[in-house]
Amino acid sequence: MDEVAADRAASAEADEHLIRETEKIAVALGRMFPGLCEVVLHDLRQPRHAIRAIENNLSGRRVGDSATELGLARIEDPDYPSVIQNYPNQFPDGRPAKSTSIGIKNAAGQYIAALCLNLDVSVLSSVTLALSNLVATETEHREQSLESLRDRNTRELRRAVQAHAAERAATPRSLSREDKRALVRQLQRDGYFDSRDAAQTIADLLGVSRATVYNYAK
């Protein structure tokens, strides 16, 4: 083996070692936040089959899937920002996400990998509601009607649906059919169907028809 070939082999081995070490970080981070944060390691040396590891899979992608737009941008431009933090993103089923992408460079200054974290912020809805209740203050105008009973019932219904979904690390629309059926029956037992518009509100939240809601309630 000539000197050039030896240098290339040594460089490739060093790159592979760096990616293997980064993979340990990806696995550890994903397992620290189960059901909440997806961690993906992209091998940018193989953009068509970039995903080297995916821990706590929330996006439905697989090992061997292609690189994202950020990965391709880093391959094209070594001066592309190495860290893009806390940018808004979205999972394929519509759930909102908060993402951070970290580019990994080798000793030669070339991007060879990217470590990406995608936080499912939809599961935090119940926490947000709880905190809102915790810091809420009393109104000074107790005698005045500030909202109608119908509006209050609708708000409580939405809160119940969101809390149910959050307990399953999902959004109302991404719940399975059986989970949706169980939720509708629980809402019926809790008296939410007493409101005239309850069935339509539930249908809108779950992404199903009003007829389906009544079918689930049987």
Protein backbone atom coordinates (compact mmCIF):
# COMPACT_ATOMS: atom_id res chain seq x y z
CA MET A 1 0.00 0.00 0.00
CA ASP A 2 1.47 3.39 -1.00
CA GLU A 3 1.64 6.37 1.34
CA VAL A 4 -1.43 8.12 -0.11
CA ALA A 5 -3.56 5.01 0.19
CA ALA A 6 -2.33 4.47 3.73
CA ASP A 7 -3.24 8.03 4.68
CA ARG A 8 -6.72 7.60 3.22
CA ALA A 9 -7.24 4.36 5.10
CA ALA A 10 -6.10 5.95 8.34
CA SER A 11 -8.40 8.93 7.78
CA ALA A 12 -11.39 6.67 7.04
CA GLU A 13 -10.66 4.66 10.18
CA ALA A 14 -10.48 7.82 12.27
CA ASP A 15 -13.79 9.04 10.83
CA GLU A 16 -15.46 5.73 11.58
CA HIS A 17 -14.16 5.81 15.14
CA LEU A 18 -15.55 9.32 15.65
CA ILE A 19 -18.98 8.27 14.36
CA ARG A 20 -19.03 5.18 16.57
CA GLU A 21 -18.29 7.33 19.61
CA THR A 22 -21.03 9.78 18.63
CA GLU A 23 -23.43 6.86 18.26
CA LYS A 24 -22.94 6.08 21.96
CA ILE A 25 -24.05 9.62 22.78
CA ALA A 26 -27.12 9.30 20.55
CA VAL A 27 -28.24 6.09 22.23
CA ALA A 28 -27.69 7.47 25.73
CA LEU A 29 -29.59 10.69 25.04
CA GLY A 30 -32.53 8.91 23.48
CA ARG A 31 -32.84 6.45 26.35
CA MET A 32 -32.71 9.27 28.87
CA PHE A 33 -35.89 10.81 27.42
CA PRO A 34 -38.13 7.88 26.38
CA GLY A 35 -41.33 8.88 24.61
CA LEU A 36 -40.21 12.48 24.50
CA CYS A 37 -37.05 13.09 22.47
CA GLU A 38 -36.00 11.34 19.27
CA VAL A 39 -32.24 11.23 18.69
CA VAL A 40 -30.90 10.52 15.21
CA LEU A 41 -27.30 10.04 14.07
CA HIS A 42 -26.71 10.76 10.38
CA ASP A 43 -23.62 9.43 8.61
CA LEU A 44 -23.04 12.18 6.05
CA ARG A 45 -20.50 10.09 4.19
CA GLN A 46 -23.47 8.15 2.80
CA PRO A 47 -26.24 10.71 2.20
CA ARG A 48 -28.62 8.26 0.49
CA HIS A 49 -28.44 5.93 3.48
CA ALA A 50 -27.47 8.44 6.12
CA ILE A 51 -29.36 7.35 9.22
CA ARG A 52 -26.84 5.36 11.21
CA ALA A 53 -28.85 5.14 14.43
CA ILE A 54 -32.26 6.31 15.60
CA GLU A 55 -33.15 6.08 19.25
CA ASN A 56 -36.61 6.61 20.69
CA ASN A 57 -38.13 6.70 17.21
CA LEU A 58 -40.93 9.28 16.96
CA SER A 59 -40.78 10.14 13.24
CA GLY A 60 -41.20 6.65 11.78
CA ARG A 61 -37.87 6.76 9.94
CA ARG A 62 -35.50 3.81 9.77
CA VAL A 63 -31.79 3.06 9.83
CA GLY A 64 -30.59 3.47 6.26
CA ASP A 65 -32.97 6.28 5.33
CA SER A 66 -31.59 9.32 3.52
CA ALA A 67 -30.19 12.54 4.94
CA THR A 68 -32.38 15.58 5.61
CA GLU A 69 -31.99 19.00 4.01
CA LEU A 70 -29.67 20.10 6.81
CA GLY A 71 -27.42 17.12 6.23
CA LEU A 72 -27.20 17.81 2.51
CA ALA A 73 -26.46 21.47 3.19
CA ARG A 74 -23.53 20.52 5.42
CA ILE A 75 -22.18 18.12 2.80
CA GLU A 76 -22.24 20.93 0.24
CA ASP A 77 -20.79 23.60 2.49
CA PRO A 78 -18.15 22.93 5.21
CA ASP A 79 -18.83 26.45 6.51
CA TYR A 80 -22.49 25.69 7.20
CA PRO A 81 -23.28 26.35 10.90
CA SER A 82 -22.21 23.44 13.06
CA VAL A 83 -25.03 23.92 15.58
CA ILE A 84 -28.61 24.94 14.78
CA GLN A 85 -30.49 24.99 18.04
CA ASN A 86 -34.12 25.04 19.14
CA TYR A 87 -35.73 25.49 15.74
CA PRO A 88 -39.41 24.63 15.15
CA ASN A 89 -40.06 21.34 13.39
CA GLN A 90 -42.89 18.86 12.82
CA PHE A 91 -43.24 15.09 12.86
CA PRO A 92 -44.95 13.40 9.87
CA ASP A 93 -48.24 13.04 11.78
CA GLY A 94 -48.40 16.75 12.52
CA ARG A 95 -47.06 16.79 16.07
CA PRO A 96 -45.00 19.92 16.76
CA ALA A 97 -41.33 19.43 17.60
CA LYS A 98 -38.42 21.47 18.87
CA SER A 99 -35.19 20.42 17.17
CA THR A 100 -31.45 20.85 17.49
CA SER A 101 -28.93 19.71 14.87
CA ILE A 102 -25.22 19.32 15.63
CA GLY A 103 -22.75 18.82 12.81
CA ILE A 104 -19.73 16.60 13.47
CA LYS A 105 -16.50 17.44 11.63
CA ASN A 106 -13.41 15.28 11.23
CA ALA A 107 -9.81 16.45 11.67
CA ALA A 108 -9.79 17.75 8.09
CA GLY A 109 -12.75 20.07 8.79
CA GLN A 110 -15.26 18.06 6.75
CA TYR A 111 -18.74 17.25 8.01
CA ILE A 112 -18.98 13.48 8.39
CA ALA A 113 -22.00 13.18 10.70
CA ALA A 114 -24.86 15.06 12.31
CA LEU A 115 -26.49 14.42 15.66
CA CYS A 116 -30.13 15.57 15.70
CA LEU A 117 -32.53 15.86 18.62
CA ASN A 118 -36.27 16.20 18.02
CA LEU A 119 -38.29 17.00 21.13
CA ASP A 120 -42.00 16.17 20.97
CA VAL A 121 -43.50 19.29 22.53
CA SER A 122 -47.08 18.08 22.11
CA VAL A 123 -46.74 15.76 25.10
CA LEU A 124 -46.05 18.76 27.31
CA SER A 125 -49.57 20.16 26.79
CA SER A 126 -50.90 18.70 30.03
CA VAL A 127 -47.93 20.10 31.93
CA THR A 128 -48.56 23.51 30.40
CA LEU A 129 -52.19 23.35 31.45
CA ALA A 130 -51.23 22.35 34.98
CA LEU A 131 -48.77 25.23 35.25
CA SER A 132 -51.37 27.66 33.91
CA ASN A 133 -53.74 26.57 36.68
CA LEU A 134 -50.99 26.85 39.26
CA VAL A 135 -50.14 30.48 38.50
CA ALA A 136 -53.72 31.62 37.78
CA THR A 137 -55.02 34.47 40.00
CA GLU A 138 -58.50 35.18 41.27
CA THR A 139 -60.63 37.62 39.26
CA GLU A 140 -61.62 40.87 40.91
CA HIS A 141 -65.08 40.81 39.35
CA ARG A 142 -66.66 37.70 40.80
CA GLU A 143 -70.21 39.01 40.21
CA GLN A 144 -69.71 39.45 36.46
CA SER A 145 -70.17 36.63 33.99
CA LEU A 146 -66.86 36.52 32.10
CA GLU A 147 -67.68 33.51 29.95
CA SER A 148 -70.63 31.32 29.07
CA LEU A 149 -71.13 27.84 30.47
CA ARG A 150 -70.89 26.43 26.95
CA ASP A 151 -67.44 27.95 26.43
CA ARG A 152 -66.27 26.65 29.79
CA ASN A 153 -67.49 23.13 29.02
CA THR A 154 -65.73 23.19 25.67
CA ARG A 155 -62.49 24.30 27.26
CA GLU A 156 -62.69 21.58 29.89
CA LEU A 157 -63.46 19.01 27.19
CA ARG A 158 -60.41 20.04 25.18
CA ARG A 159 -58.29 19.87 28.33
CA ALA A 160 -59.51 16.34 29.10
CA VAL A 161 -58.79 15.12 25.57
CA GLN A 162 -55.30 16.66 25.51
CA ALA A 163 -54.43 15.25 28.92
CA HIS A 164 -55.53 11.76 27.84
CA ALA A 165 -53.33 11.96 24.74
CA ALA A 166 -50.36 13.38 26.65
CA GLU A 167 -50.42 10.40 29.03
CA ARG A 168 -49.81 8.23 25.95
CA ALA A 169 -47.05 10.46 24.54
CA ALA A 170 -49.26 11.40 21.60
CA THR A 171 -51.56 14.09 20.24
CA PRO A 172 -55.32 13.51 20.10
CA ARG A 173 -55.18 12.93 16.34
CA SER A 174 -52.28 10.46 16.55
CA LEU A 175 -54.01 8.17 19.10
CA SER A 176 -54.76 4.67 17.92
CA ARG A 177 -58.35 3.72 17.06
CA GLU A 178 -58.71 1.75 20.29
CA ASP A 179 -57.33 4.62 22.38
CA LYS A 180 -59.77 7.01 20.69
CA ARG A 181 -62.66 4.62 21.38
CA ALA A 182 -61.64 4.30 25.04
CA LEU A 183 -61.30 8.08 25.35
CA VAL A 184 -64.75 8.74 23.87
CA ARG A 185 -66.37 6.23 26.21
CA GLN A 186 -64.60 7.79 29.20
CA LEU A 187 -65.78 11.25 28.16
CA GLN A 188 -69.33 9.92 27.90
CA ARG A 189 -69.11 8.43 31.40
CA ASP A 190 -67.79 11.74 32.71
CA GLY A 191 -70.80 13.59 31.35
CA TYR A 192 -69.18 15.61 28.58
CA PHE A 193 -71.79 14.50 26.05
CA ASP A 194 -74.40 16.55 27.89
CA SER A 195 -73.23 19.55 25.92
CA ARG A 196 -74.90 19.98 22.54
CA ASP A 197 -71.67 20.54 20.62
CA ALA A 198 -69.55 17.98 22.50
CA ALA A 199 -69.60 15.31 19.78
CA GLN A 200 -68.44 17.75 17.09
CA THR A 201 -65.72 19.17 19.36
CA ILE A 202 -64.43 15.67 20.09
CA ALA A 203 -64.55 14.78 16.40
CA ASP A 204 -62.49 17.86 15.50
CA LEU A 205 -59.90 17.10 18.20
CA LEU A 206 -59.52 13.45 17.20
CA GLY A 207 -59.60 14.06 13.46
CA VAL A 208 -62.61 11.81 12.86
CA SER A 209 -66.22 12.33 11.81
CA ARG A 210 -69.06 13.07 14.20
CA ALA A 211 -70.64 9.76 13.22
CA THR A 212 -67.45 7.96 14.23
CA VAL A 213 -67.57 9.62 17.64
CA TYR A 214 -71.11 8.34 18.20
CA ASN A 215 -70.03 4.90 16.99
CA TYR A 216 -67.14 4.90 19.50
CA ALA A 217 -69.58 5.87 22.26
CA LYS A 218 -71.78 2.77 21.74
